[in-house]
N, C-alpha and C. Protein backbone atom coordinates (compact mmCIF):
# COMPACT_ATOMS: atom_id res chain seq x y z
N MET A 1 152.88 186.56 34.88
CA MET A 1 152.20 187.68 35.83
C MET A 1 152.65 186.82 37.42
N ALA A 2 153.18 185.67 37.03
CA ALA A 2 153.59 184.87 38.23
C ALA A 2 155.35 185.00 38.24
N THR A 3 155.42 184.90 36.94
CA THR A 3 156.85 185.09 36.39
C THR A 3 157.56 186.52 36.86
N GLN A 4 157.00 187.75 36.81
CA GLN A 4 157.35 189.25 37.16
C GLN A 4 157.40 188.99 38.86
N ALA A 5 156.23 188.33 39.38
CA ALA A 5 156.66 188.54 40.94
C ALA A 5 157.46 187.53 41.18
N ALA A 6 158.28 186.54 40.37
CA ALA A 6 159.28 185.55 41.33
C ALA A 6 160.37 186.58 40.75
N THR A 7 160.42 187.06 39.86
CA THR A 7 161.64 187.74 39.17
C THR A 7 162.10 189.07 40.33
N THR A 8 161.23 190.24 41.15
CA THR A 8 161.32 190.68 41.82
C THR A 8 161.47 190.37 43.22
N PHE A 9 161.54 189.12 43.73
CA PHE A 9 161.69 188.55 44.63
C PHE A 9 163.12 188.14 44.76
N THR A 10 164.11 188.96 45.45
CA THR A 10 165.56 188.24 45.21
C THR A 10 165.84 187.50 46.69
N GLY A 11 164.98 186.91 47.31
CA GLY A 11 165.29 186.16 48.61
C GLY A 11 165.25 184.35 47.91
N ASN A 12 165.00 183.88 49.21
CA ASN A 12 165.73 182.96 48.56
C ASN A 12 164.01 181.84 48.18
N MET A 13 163.89 181.45 47.01
CA MET A 13 162.90 180.98 46.34
C MET A 13 162.38 179.62 46.63
N LYS A 14 163.82 178.59 46.84
CA LYS A 14 163.18 177.01 46.88
C LYS A 14 162.65 177.36 48.82
N LYS A 15 163.27 178.02 49.19
CA LYS A 15 162.76 178.28 50.95
C LYS A 15 161.19 178.98 51.04
N ALA A 16 161.14 180.12 50.30
CA ALA A 16 159.62 180.53 49.86
C ALA A 16 158.83 179.67 49.66
N LEU A 17 159.10 178.82 48.46
CA LEU A 17 157.90 177.92 47.80
C LEU A 17 157.90 176.24 48.72
N ALA A 18 158.81 175.90 49.49
CA ALA A 18 158.75 175.07 50.06
C ALA A 18 157.68 174.56 50.63
N GLY A 19 157.48 173.02 49.71
CA GLY A 19 155.73 171.96 50.59
C GLY A 19 154.85 173.16 50.10
N LEU A 20 154.66 173.88 49.02
CA LEU A 20 153.30 174.39 48.71
C LEU A 20 152.78 173.84 47.87
N ARG A 21 153.21 172.39 47.30
CA ARG A 21 152.32 170.98 46.75
C ARG A 21 151.76 170.40 47.48
N ARG A 22 152.10 170.49 48.60
CA ARG A 22 151.25 169.32 49.50
C ARG A 22 150.25 170.12 50.38
N ILE A 23 149.58 171.17 49.67
CA ILE A 23 148.86 172.09 50.56
C ILE A 23 147.60 172.48 49.34
N ASN A 24 146.23 172.34 49.76
CA ASN A 24 145.26 172.05 48.90
C ASN A 24 144.57 173.47 49.10
N LEU A 25 145.14 174.21 47.93
CA LEU A 25 145.17 175.84 47.69
C LEU A 25 143.59 176.42 47.27
N GLU A 26 143.14 175.24 47.01
CA GLU A 26 141.36 175.84 45.99
C GLU A 26 140.50 176.08 47.75
N GLY A 27 139.65 177.20 47.18
CA GLY A 27 139.26 178.24 48.43
C GLY A 27 140.03 178.89 49.32
N LEU A 28 140.81 178.62 49.13
CA LEU A 28 141.70 179.46 50.72
C LEU A 28 141.71 180.72 50.31
N ARG A 29 141.81 181.63 51.42
CA ARG A 29 142.32 183.29 51.15
C ARG A 29 143.83 183.37 51.51
N TRP A 30 144.22 184.25 51.04
CA TRP A 30 145.64 184.57 51.08
C TRP A 30 145.89 186.26 51.90
N ARG A 31 146.08 185.88 53.35
CA ARG A 31 145.66 187.14 54.22
C ARG A 31 147.21 187.73 54.40
N VAL A 32 147.58 188.86 54.51
CA VAL A 32 148.76 189.63 54.54
C VAL A 32 148.94 189.99 55.76
N PHE A 33 149.71 189.96 56.48
CA PHE A 33 150.17 190.76 57.66
C PHE A 33 151.50 191.45 57.72
N ASP A 34 151.62 192.76 58.01
CA ASP A 34 152.88 193.17 58.07
C ASP A 34 152.44 193.95 59.65
N ALA A 35 153.75 193.03 59.59
CA ALA A 35 154.67 193.05 60.73
C ALA A 35 155.12 194.22 61.63
N LYS A 36 155.18 195.24 60.81
CA LYS A 36 156.12 196.41 61.15
C LYS A 36 155.43 197.47 61.99
N GLY A 37 156.24 197.36 63.24
CA GLY A 37 155.73 198.19 64.72
C GLY A 37 154.73 197.42 65.48
N LEU A 38 154.21 196.04 65.13
CA LEU A 38 153.64 195.59 65.80
C LEU A 38 154.00 194.51 66.80
N VAL A 39 153.48 194.48 68.36
CA VAL A 39 154.15 193.64 68.91
C VAL A 39 153.79 192.30 68.84
N LEU A 40 155.11 191.65 68.84
CA LEU A 40 155.60 189.99 68.74
C LEU A 40 154.56 189.12 68.98
N GLY A 41 153.74 189.00 70.24
CA GLY A 41 152.62 188.48 70.79
C GLY A 41 151.39 188.79 70.26
N ARG A 42 150.99 189.83 70.22
CA ARG A 42 150.00 190.20 69.33
C ARG A 42 149.40 189.76 67.97
N LEU A 43 150.50 189.72 67.84
CA LEU A 43 150.32 189.44 66.49
C LEU A 43 150.66 187.82 65.75
N ALA A 44 151.43 187.52 66.40
CA ALA A 44 151.61 185.94 66.84
C ALA A 44 150.28 185.47 67.21
N SER A 45 149.48 185.72 67.66
CA SER A 45 148.03 185.07 68.44
C SER A 45 147.14 185.31 67.03
N GLN A 46 146.97 186.42 66.66
CA GLN A 46 146.38 186.80 65.44
C GLN A 46 146.64 185.77 64.04
N ILE A 47 147.74 185.80 64.20
CA ILE A 47 148.34 184.78 62.80
C ILE A 47 147.77 183.32 63.07
N ALA A 48 147.96 182.72 64.22
CA ALA A 48 147.72 181.43 65.00
C ALA A 48 146.07 181.33 64.36
N THR A 49 145.27 182.32 65.12
CA THR A 49 144.10 182.26 64.85
C THR A 49 143.33 182.19 63.56
N VAL A 50 143.96 182.87 62.31
CA VAL A 50 143.71 182.78 61.16
C VAL A 50 144.07 181.04 60.68
N VAL A 51 145.54 181.00 60.78
CA VAL A 51 146.11 179.98 60.23
C VAL A 51 145.31 178.36 60.77
N GLN A 52 144.50 178.31 62.04
CA GLN A 52 143.87 177.20 62.11
C GLN A 52 142.33 177.27 61.80
N GLY A 53 141.79 179.08 61.47
CA GLY A 53 140.27 179.04 60.99
C GLY A 53 139.65 179.24 61.84
N LYS A 54 139.97 179.72 62.95
CA LYS A 54 139.29 179.60 63.95
C LYS A 54 138.39 180.93 63.76
N ASP A 55 138.65 181.75 62.65
CA ASP A 55 137.85 183.02 62.36
C ASP A 55 136.42 183.12 61.05
N LYS A 56 136.53 181.43 61.27
CA LYS A 56 135.46 181.17 60.07
C LYS A 56 134.43 180.71 60.82
N PRO A 57 133.05 180.95 60.25
CA PRO A 57 132.31 179.71 61.25
C PRO A 57 132.32 178.32 60.85
N THR A 58 132.64 177.93 59.73
CA THR A 58 132.94 176.64 59.50
C THR A 58 133.90 176.04 60.19
N TYR A 59 134.40 176.25 61.46
CA TYR A 59 135.67 175.82 62.09
C TYR A 59 135.60 174.53 62.87
N ALA A 60 136.42 173.59 62.46
CA ALA A 60 136.18 172.53 63.39
C ALA A 60 137.39 171.95 63.98
N PRO A 61 137.52 171.73 65.01
CA PRO A 61 139.03 171.38 65.35
C PRO A 61 139.80 170.03 64.44
N ASN A 62 139.06 169.00 63.99
CA ASN A 62 139.86 167.89 63.48
C ASN A 62 139.71 168.11 62.22
N ARG A 63 139.63 169.50 61.29
CA ARG A 63 140.10 169.65 59.91
C ARG A 63 141.24 171.24 60.08
N ASP A 64 141.39 171.18 59.00
CA ASP A 64 142.61 172.27 58.52
C ASP A 64 142.36 173.17 57.64
N ASP A 65 141.13 173.97 58.14
CA ASP A 65 140.05 175.00 57.41
C ASP A 65 140.86 176.26 57.10
N GLY A 66 142.03 176.77 58.28
CA GLY A 66 143.08 177.70 57.92
C GLY A 66 143.24 178.17 56.87
N ASP A 67 143.58 179.53 56.32
CA ASP A 67 143.40 180.52 55.24
C ASP A 67 145.26 180.73 55.15
N MET A 68 145.98 180.64 54.02
CA MET A 68 147.01 181.20 53.88
C MET A 68 147.96 182.12 54.66
N CYS A 69 148.87 182.66 55.09
CA CYS A 69 149.13 183.75 55.81
C CYS A 69 150.72 184.00 55.47
N ILE A 70 150.77 185.20 54.95
CA ILE A 70 151.68 186.04 54.94
C ILE A 70 152.60 187.04 55.68
N VAL A 71 153.54 186.98 55.81
CA VAL A 71 154.21 187.85 57.08
C VAL A 71 155.15 188.67 56.52
N LEU A 72 154.83 189.73 56.46
CA LEU A 72 156.05 190.92 55.95
C LEU A 72 156.87 191.58 56.72
N ASN A 73 157.95 192.41 56.51
CA ASN A 73 158.75 192.89 57.57
C ASN A 73 158.95 192.38 58.65
N ALA A 74 158.92 191.28 58.53
CA ALA A 74 159.58 190.38 59.90
C ALA A 74 160.92 191.04 61.01
N LYS A 75 161.50 191.87 60.04
CA LYS A 75 162.62 192.39 60.81
C LYS A 75 162.23 193.77 61.76
N ASP A 76 161.07 194.35 61.60
CA ASP A 76 160.35 195.07 62.25
C ASP A 76 159.74 195.18 63.49
N VAL A 77 159.96 194.00 63.49
CA VAL A 77 158.59 193.57 64.82
C VAL A 77 158.58 193.94 65.90
N CYS A 78 158.51 194.57 67.37
CA CYS A 78 158.80 195.08 68.30
C CYS A 78 157.93 194.11 69.59
N VAL A 79 159.14 194.14 70.58
CA VAL A 79 158.66 193.26 71.98
C VAL A 79 158.42 194.16 73.02
N THR A 80 157.86 194.27 74.32
CA THR A 80 157.95 195.14 74.88
C THR A 80 158.90 194.76 76.06
N GLY A 81 159.22 195.51 76.85
CA GLY A 81 160.09 195.28 78.16
C GLY A 81 161.46 195.48 77.69
N ARG A 82 162.26 194.17 78.62
CA ARG A 82 163.28 194.21 78.22
C ARG A 82 163.73 192.95 78.08
N LYS A 83 162.57 192.41 77.09
CA LYS A 83 162.91 190.53 76.21
C LYS A 83 163.74 190.80 75.06
N LEU A 84 164.23 192.15 74.78
CA LEU A 84 165.37 191.91 73.75
C LEU A 84 166.35 191.49 74.38
N THR A 85 167.29 191.47 75.63
CA THR A 85 168.36 191.08 76.47
C THR A 85 167.56 190.10 77.36
N ASP A 86 166.53 189.84 78.10
CA ASP A 86 165.87 188.87 78.77
C ASP A 86 165.38 187.77 78.37
N LYS A 87 165.02 187.84 77.09
CA LYS A 87 164.28 186.60 76.47
C LYS A 87 165.63 185.50 75.76
N PHE A 88 165.60 184.55 76.15
CA PHE A 88 166.70 183.53 75.56
C PHE A 88 165.85 182.04 74.56
N TYR A 89 166.17 181.63 73.46
CA TYR A 89 166.14 180.55 73.14
C TYR A 89 167.02 178.89 73.14
N ARG A 90 166.60 178.28 73.72
CA ARG A 90 167.37 177.17 74.17
C ARG A 90 167.36 176.02 73.68
N TRP A 91 168.35 175.25 73.17
CA TRP A 91 168.42 173.89 72.62
C TRP A 91 169.38 172.82 72.54
N HIS A 92 169.35 171.90 72.87
CA HIS A 92 170.53 170.99 72.80
C HIS A 92 171.46 170.03 71.31
N THR A 93 172.13 170.02 71.75
CA THR A 93 173.07 169.28 70.46
C THR A 93 172.65 167.96 70.89
N GLY A 94 172.06 167.39 71.75
CA GLY A 94 172.75 166.04 72.08
C GLY A 94 174.24 165.52 73.07
N TYR A 95 175.20 166.38 72.16
CA TYR A 95 176.15 166.23 73.20
C TYR A 95 176.00 166.01 74.47
N VAL A 96 177.01 165.69 75.07
CA VAL A 96 177.23 166.22 76.90
C VAL A 96 177.56 167.75 76.97
N GLY A 97 176.86 168.35 77.78
CA GLY A 97 177.40 169.77 78.16
C GLY A 97 176.79 170.69 77.14
N HIS A 98 176.21 170.27 76.15
CA HIS A 98 176.22 171.01 74.96
C HIS A 98 174.79 171.80 75.12
N LEU A 99 174.23 172.65 75.69
CA LEU A 99 173.24 173.53 75.78
C LEU A 99 173.43 174.31 75.45
N LYS A 100 172.61 174.67 74.24
CA LYS A 100 173.16 176.34 73.29
C LYS A 100 171.98 177.01 74.00
N GLU A 101 171.74 178.85 73.91
CA GLU A 101 170.88 179.57 73.92
C GLU A 101 171.57 181.07 73.01
N ARG A 102 170.27 181.49 72.47
CA ARG A 102 170.85 182.68 72.00
C ARG A 102 169.44 183.64 72.07
N SER A 103 169.70 184.37 72.31
CA SER A 103 169.06 186.11 72.96
C SER A 103 168.32 186.39 71.84
N LEU A 104 166.74 187.23 72.35
CA LEU A 104 165.82 187.74 70.87
C LEU A 104 166.82 188.44 70.21
N LYS A 105 167.39 189.35 71.13
CA LYS A 105 168.38 190.59 70.25
C LYS A 105 169.13 189.95 68.58
N ASP A 106 169.93 188.80 69.50
CA ASP A 106 170.84 188.12 68.46
C ASP A 106 169.95 187.09 67.13
N GLN A 107 168.86 186.59 67.96
CA GLN A 107 167.54 185.62 66.91
C GLN A 107 167.32 186.83 65.73
N LEU A 108 166.92 187.88 66.38
CA LEU A 108 166.46 188.93 65.10
C LEU A 108 167.25 189.23 64.09
N ALA A 109 168.88 189.59 64.66
CA ALA A 109 169.58 189.88 63.61
C ALA A 109 170.01 189.02 62.76
N LYS A 110 170.18 187.41 63.41
CA LYS A 110 170.86 186.12 62.75
C LYS A 110 169.36 185.87 61.77
N ASP A 111 168.04 185.97 61.70
CA ASP A 111 166.87 184.99 61.52
C ASP A 111 165.81 185.69 61.96
N PRO A 112 165.23 186.74 61.82
CA PRO A 112 164.10 187.29 62.57
C PRO A 112 162.70 186.58 61.73
N THR A 113 162.92 185.57 60.85
CA THR A 113 161.80 185.51 59.97
C THR A 113 160.90 183.87 61.55
N GLU A 114 162.37 183.13 61.97
CA GLU A 114 162.40 181.88 62.89
C GLU A 114 161.68 182.84 64.24
N VAL A 115 162.05 183.83 64.82
CA VAL A 115 161.31 184.45 65.89
C VAL A 115 159.81 184.59 65.96
N ILE A 116 158.79 184.95 64.85
CA ILE A 116 157.47 184.90 64.66
C ILE A 116 157.18 183.43 64.34
N ARG A 117 157.74 182.69 63.57
CA ARG A 117 157.45 181.37 63.50
C ARG A 117 157.30 180.46 64.62
N LYS A 118 158.40 180.27 65.77
CA LYS A 118 158.34 179.83 66.70
C LYS A 118 157.20 180.57 67.49
N ALA A 119 157.07 181.48 67.91
CA ALA A 119 155.70 182.44 68.35
C ALA A 119 154.48 181.99 67.86
N VAL A 120 153.89 181.58 66.95
CA VAL A 120 153.04 181.31 66.65
C VAL A 120 152.72 179.57 66.43
N LEU A 121 154.13 178.82 66.45
CA LEU A 121 153.80 177.40 66.30
C LEU A 121 153.76 177.33 67.68
N ARG A 122 154.19 177.71 68.89
CA ARG A 122 153.96 177.60 69.98
C ARG A 122 152.36 177.96 70.99
N MET A 123 151.81 178.75 70.39
CA MET A 123 150.72 178.72 70.19
C MET A 123 149.73 177.81 69.41
N LEU A 124 150.15 176.87 68.80
CA LEU A 124 149.12 176.18 68.32
C LEU A 124 149.39 174.53 68.85
N PRO A 125 148.01 174.12 68.70
CA PRO A 125 148.01 173.00 69.39
C PRO A 125 148.96 171.33 69.06
N ARG A 126 149.53 170.76 69.68
CA ARG A 126 150.66 169.50 69.52
C ARG A 126 149.60 168.95 68.62
N ASN A 127 148.78 168.20 67.95
CA ASN A 127 148.59 167.07 67.13
C ASN A 127 149.14 167.14 65.39
N LYS A 128 148.34 166.61 65.25
CA LYS A 128 148.99 166.06 63.74
C LYS A 128 148.63 167.22 62.52
N LEU A 129 147.43 168.20 63.00
CA LEU A 129 147.70 169.26 61.64
C LEU A 129 148.48 170.14 61.86
N ARG A 130 149.35 170.34 62.74
CA ARG A 130 150.73 171.30 63.32
C ARG A 130 151.53 171.78 61.99
N ASP A 131 151.55 170.23 61.70
CA ASP A 131 152.62 170.61 60.15
C ASP A 131 152.07 171.01 59.13
N ASP A 132 151.08 170.76 58.43
CA ASP A 132 149.87 171.48 57.73
C ASP A 132 150.10 173.11 57.82
N ARG A 133 149.56 173.22 59.38
CA ARG A 133 149.35 174.44 59.29
C ARG A 133 150.82 175.49 59.60
N ASP A 134 151.48 174.84 59.80
CA ASP A 134 152.74 175.19 59.39
C ASP A 134 153.14 175.70 58.36
N ARG A 135 153.09 174.77 57.19
CA ARG A 135 153.22 175.15 55.61
C ARG A 135 152.44 176.07 55.11
N LYS A 136 151.47 176.72 55.61
CA LYS A 136 150.68 177.83 55.58
C LYS A 136 150.73 178.84 55.96
N LEU A 137 152.22 179.18 56.65
CA LEU A 137 152.78 180.30 57.06
C LEU A 137 154.04 180.51 56.11
N ARG A 138 153.99 181.51 55.74
CA ARG A 138 155.27 182.10 55.04
C ARG A 138 155.66 183.46 55.29
N ILE A 139 157.00 183.56 55.98
CA ILE A 139 157.42 184.45 56.69
C ILE A 139 158.24 185.20 55.96
N PHE A 140 158.71 186.62 55.50
CA PHE A 140 159.49 187.40 55.07
C PHE A 140 160.05 188.42 55.79
N ALA A 141 161.41 188.31 55.64
CA ALA A 141 162.06 189.43 56.21
C ALA A 141 161.32 191.01 56.15
N GLY A 142 161.76 191.11 54.93
CA GLY A 142 161.46 192.11 54.18
C GLY A 142 160.23 192.74 53.61
N SER A 143 160.00 193.42 52.84
CA SER A 143 158.40 193.64 52.11
C SER A 143 158.26 192.62 50.70
N GLU A 144 159.27 192.15 50.13
CA GLU A 144 159.00 191.45 49.32
C GLU A 144 158.88 190.01 49.46
N HIS A 145 158.17 189.48 48.52
CA HIS A 145 157.70 188.08 48.38
C HIS A 145 156.92 187.79 46.91
N PRO A 146 157.41 186.39 46.91
CA PRO A 146 157.20 185.83 45.29
C PRO A 146 155.27 185.16 45.04
N PHE A 147 154.98 185.96 45.80
CA PHE A 147 152.78 185.67 45.46
C PHE A 147 152.08 186.50 45.48
N GLY A 148 152.85 187.40 44.62
CA GLY A 148 152.40 188.80 43.91
C GLY A 148 151.51 188.36 43.52
N ASP A 149 151.40 187.32 42.53
CA ASP A 149 150.06 186.83 41.37
C ASP A 149 148.65 185.95 42.08
N ARG A 150 148.87 186.24 43.52
CA ARG A 150 147.72 185.79 44.34
C ARG A 150 147.04 186.51 44.78
N PRO A 151 145.41 186.56 44.93
CA PRO A 151 144.57 187.75 45.20
C PRO A 151 144.61 187.57 46.86
N LEU A 152 146.07 188.88 46.92
CA LEU A 152 146.18 189.21 48.46
C LEU A 152 145.41 189.89 48.87
N GLU A 153 144.66 189.76 50.30
CA GLU A 153 143.95 190.26 51.26
C GLU A 153 144.61 191.02 52.72
N PRO A 154 144.91 192.34 52.61
CA PRO A 154 145.49 192.59 53.57
C PRO A 154 144.59 192.83 55.06
N TYR A 155 145.51 192.06 56.27
CA TYR A 155 144.65 192.03 57.11
C TYR A 155 145.19 192.89 58.13
N VAL A 156 143.62 193.27 58.46
CA VAL A 156 143.54 194.43 59.66
C VAL A 156 143.50 194.27 60.92
N MET A 157 144.35 194.41 61.69
CA MET A 157 144.26 193.93 63.60
C MET A 157 143.23 194.67 64.38
N PRO A 158 142.42 193.62 65.13
CA PRO A 158 141.73 194.27 65.93
C PRO A 158 142.24 195.39 66.74
N PRO A 159 141.23 196.42 67.22
CA PRO A 159 141.62 197.47 68.15
C PRO A 159 141.72 196.87 69.13
N ARG A 160 142.61 197.41 70.18
CA ARG A 160 142.94 196.77 71.81
C ARG A 160 142.25 197.10 72.47
N ASN A 161 141.54 196.61 73.24
CA ASN A 161 140.48 196.71 74.54
C ASN A 161 141.26 197.28 75.42
N VAL A 162 141.92 198.59 75.65
CA VAL A 162 142.65 199.12 76.51
C VAL A 162 142.04 198.96 78.07
N ARG A 163 142.36 198.82 79.07
CA ARG A 163 141.28 198.78 80.34
C ARG A 163 141.65 200.11 80.78
N GLU A 164 140.57 200.61 81.22
CA GLU A 164 140.85 202.13 82.17
C GLU A 164 141.89 201.86 83.45
N MET A 165 142.76 202.89 83.71
CA MET A 165 143.60 202.87 84.97
C MET A 165 142.98 202.80 86.53
N ARG A 166 143.10 201.55 86.98
CA ARG A 166 142.67 201.58 88.58
C ARG A 166 142.81 202.90 88.95
N PRO A 167 142.07 202.61 90.42
CA PRO A 167 141.81 204.15 90.99
C PRO A 167 143.43 204.60 91.63
N ARG A 168 143.38 203.37 92.33
CA ARG A 168 145.04 203.60 93.05
C ARG A 168 146.46 203.79 92.37
N ALA A 169 146.12 203.04 91.05
CA ALA A 169 147.69 203.16 90.30
C ALA A 169 147.32 205.24 89.05
N ARG A 170 146.43 205.06 89.01
CA ARG A 170 146.19 206.75 88.97
C ARG A 170 146.25 208.02 90.24
N ARG A 171 145.79 207.80 90.98
CA ARG A 171 146.21 208.72 92.14
C ARG A 171 147.80 208.26 92.22
N ALA A 172 148.93 207.27 92.09
CA ALA A 172 150.07 207.40 92.19
C ALA A 172 151.09 208.09 91.28
N MET A 173 150.01 207.81 89.96
CA MET A 173 150.54 208.64 89.12
C MET A 173 150.65 209.97 88.82
N ILE A 174 149.19 210.29 89.40
CA ILE A 174 149.29 211.78 89.56
C ILE A 174 150.05 212.44 90.60
N ARG A 175 150.03 212.16 91.79
CA ARG A 175 151.16 212.10 92.49
C ARG A 175 152.97 212.29 92.40
N ALA A 176 153.24 211.38 91.08
CA ALA A 176 154.73 211.08 90.77
C ALA A 176 154.53 212.52 89.92
N GLN A 177 153.34 212.72 89.20
CA GLN A 177 153.62 213.63 88.10
C GLN A 177 153.67 215.54 89.14
N LYS A 178 152.87 215.68 89.68
CA LYS A 178 152.98 216.58 90.99
C LYS A 178 154.39 216.53 91.70
N LYS A 179 155.26 215.70 92.08
CA LYS A 179 156.27 215.37 92.75
C LYS A 179 157.14 216.03 91.73
N ALA A 180 157.39 215.27 90.12
CA ALA A 180 158.37 216.29 89.73
C ALA A 180 158.30 217.54 89.08
N GLU A 181 156.65 217.98 88.86
CA GLU A 181 156.72 218.88 89.11
C GLU A 181 157.52 220.36 89.68
N GLU A 182 157.40 219.56 91.46
CA GLU A 182 157.51 220.49 92.56
C GLU A 182 159.35 220.61 92.28
N GLN A 183 159.82 219.34 91.96
CA GLN A 183 161.32 219.43 92.03
C GLN A 183 161.92 220.42 90.75
N GLN A 184 160.88 220.44 89.53
CA GLN A 184 161.36 221.60 88.21
C GLN A 184 161.20 222.65 88.78
N ASN A 185 160.05 222.99 89.74
CA ASN A 185 160.55 224.57 90.17
C ASN A 185 161.36 224.84 91.14
N THR A 186 161.63 224.21 92.05
CA THR A 186 162.54 224.17 93.30
C THR A 186 164.02 224.10 92.28
N GLY A 187 164.19 223.59 91.19
CA GLY A 187 165.33 223.48 91.23
C GLY A 187 165.37 225.33 90.02
N GLU A 188 164.45 225.38 89.31
CA GLU A 188 164.85 226.60 88.59
C GLU A 188 164.46 227.85 89.84
N ILE A 189 164.27 227.43 91.12
CA ILE A 189 164.02 229.32 91.63
C ILE A 189 165.86 229.00 92.20
N ARG A 190 166.57 227.76 93.17
CA ARG A 190 167.50 227.78 93.23
C ARG A 190 168.43 228.29 92.30
N LYS A 191 168.30 228.00 91.06
CA LYS A 191 168.85 228.42 89.92
C LYS A 191 169.15 230.19 89.73
N GLY A 192 167.66 230.38 89.48
CA GLY A 192 167.55 231.89 89.95
C GLY A 192 168.33 232.70 90.85
N LYS A 193 168.66 232.13 91.97
CA LYS A 193 169.11 232.55 93.59
C LYS A 193 170.51 232.50 93.49
N LYS A 194 171.11 231.71 93.10
CA LYS A 194 172.35 231.21 92.47
C LYS A 194 172.77 232.71 91.44
N ARG A 195 172.23 232.97 90.54
CA ARG A 195 172.27 233.89 89.61
C ARG A 195 172.48 235.09 90.02
N GLU A 196 171.25 235.12 90.98
CA GLU A 196 171.44 236.67 91.71
C GLU A 196 172.57 236.72 92.45
N ALA A 197 173.06 236.23 93.40
CA ALA A 197 174.03 236.30 94.18
C ALA A 197 175.15 236.16 93.54
N SER A 198 175.76 235.62 92.37
CA SER A 198 176.94 235.75 91.83
C SER A 198 176.78 237.26 91.00
N GLY A 199 175.77 237.57 90.50
CA GLY A 199 175.50 239.22 90.38
C GLY A 199 176.04 240.21 91.59
N GLU A 200 175.13 239.89 92.86
CA GLU A 200 175.96 240.78 93.57
C GLU A 200 177.31 240.82 93.88
N VAL A 201 178.02 239.48 94.08
CA VAL A 201 179.48 239.48 94.12
C VAL A 201 179.98 239.91 92.85
N LYS A 202 180.18 239.77 92.07
CA LYS A 202 180.52 240.45 90.57
C LYS A 202 180.52 242.04 91.29
N ALA A 203 179.17 242.30 91.18
CA ALA A 203 179.17 244.40 91.77
C ALA A 203 180.03 244.76 92.88
């Protein structure tokens, strides 16, 4: 079964299995996250919770009790607002004046797995358990992965608690809708008058 799963995976097998021997897989659950259509920050916060083991009643901050997390379809992750063009990743090479930067749009085109990895790692505490938790995170750009022989459990994202719109904002939205309807109606009336005038001129 493991060889069949490995043959169907066409990606970098060495990178996909790197550091797996250093993890004690006994008793761990294999949680699968489908990133297709999900917002980057909300997805990363759920992954960070599972990797740390905060969803378990046995959680302790000094132990690494998190589960294995497999993230699929990283290339189809979404962001809100103008982050595709306004968010930048910056790093320095060490040479004078060599401050590099890359936009989120370019990073998604180059390597979409790094976008989710950086978002999750920056939500984890900076301590000695961080590297072990990073090894439990396996991210793939597509839907293929080499862990088909494992007991996988699809992770269901919790429903969003959307706050009701405030009265002032609701009134502003209603005024904007009425204004748009009035402008549309006046535009149609003007078009009708122009047609009538052109018909009279022709007659």
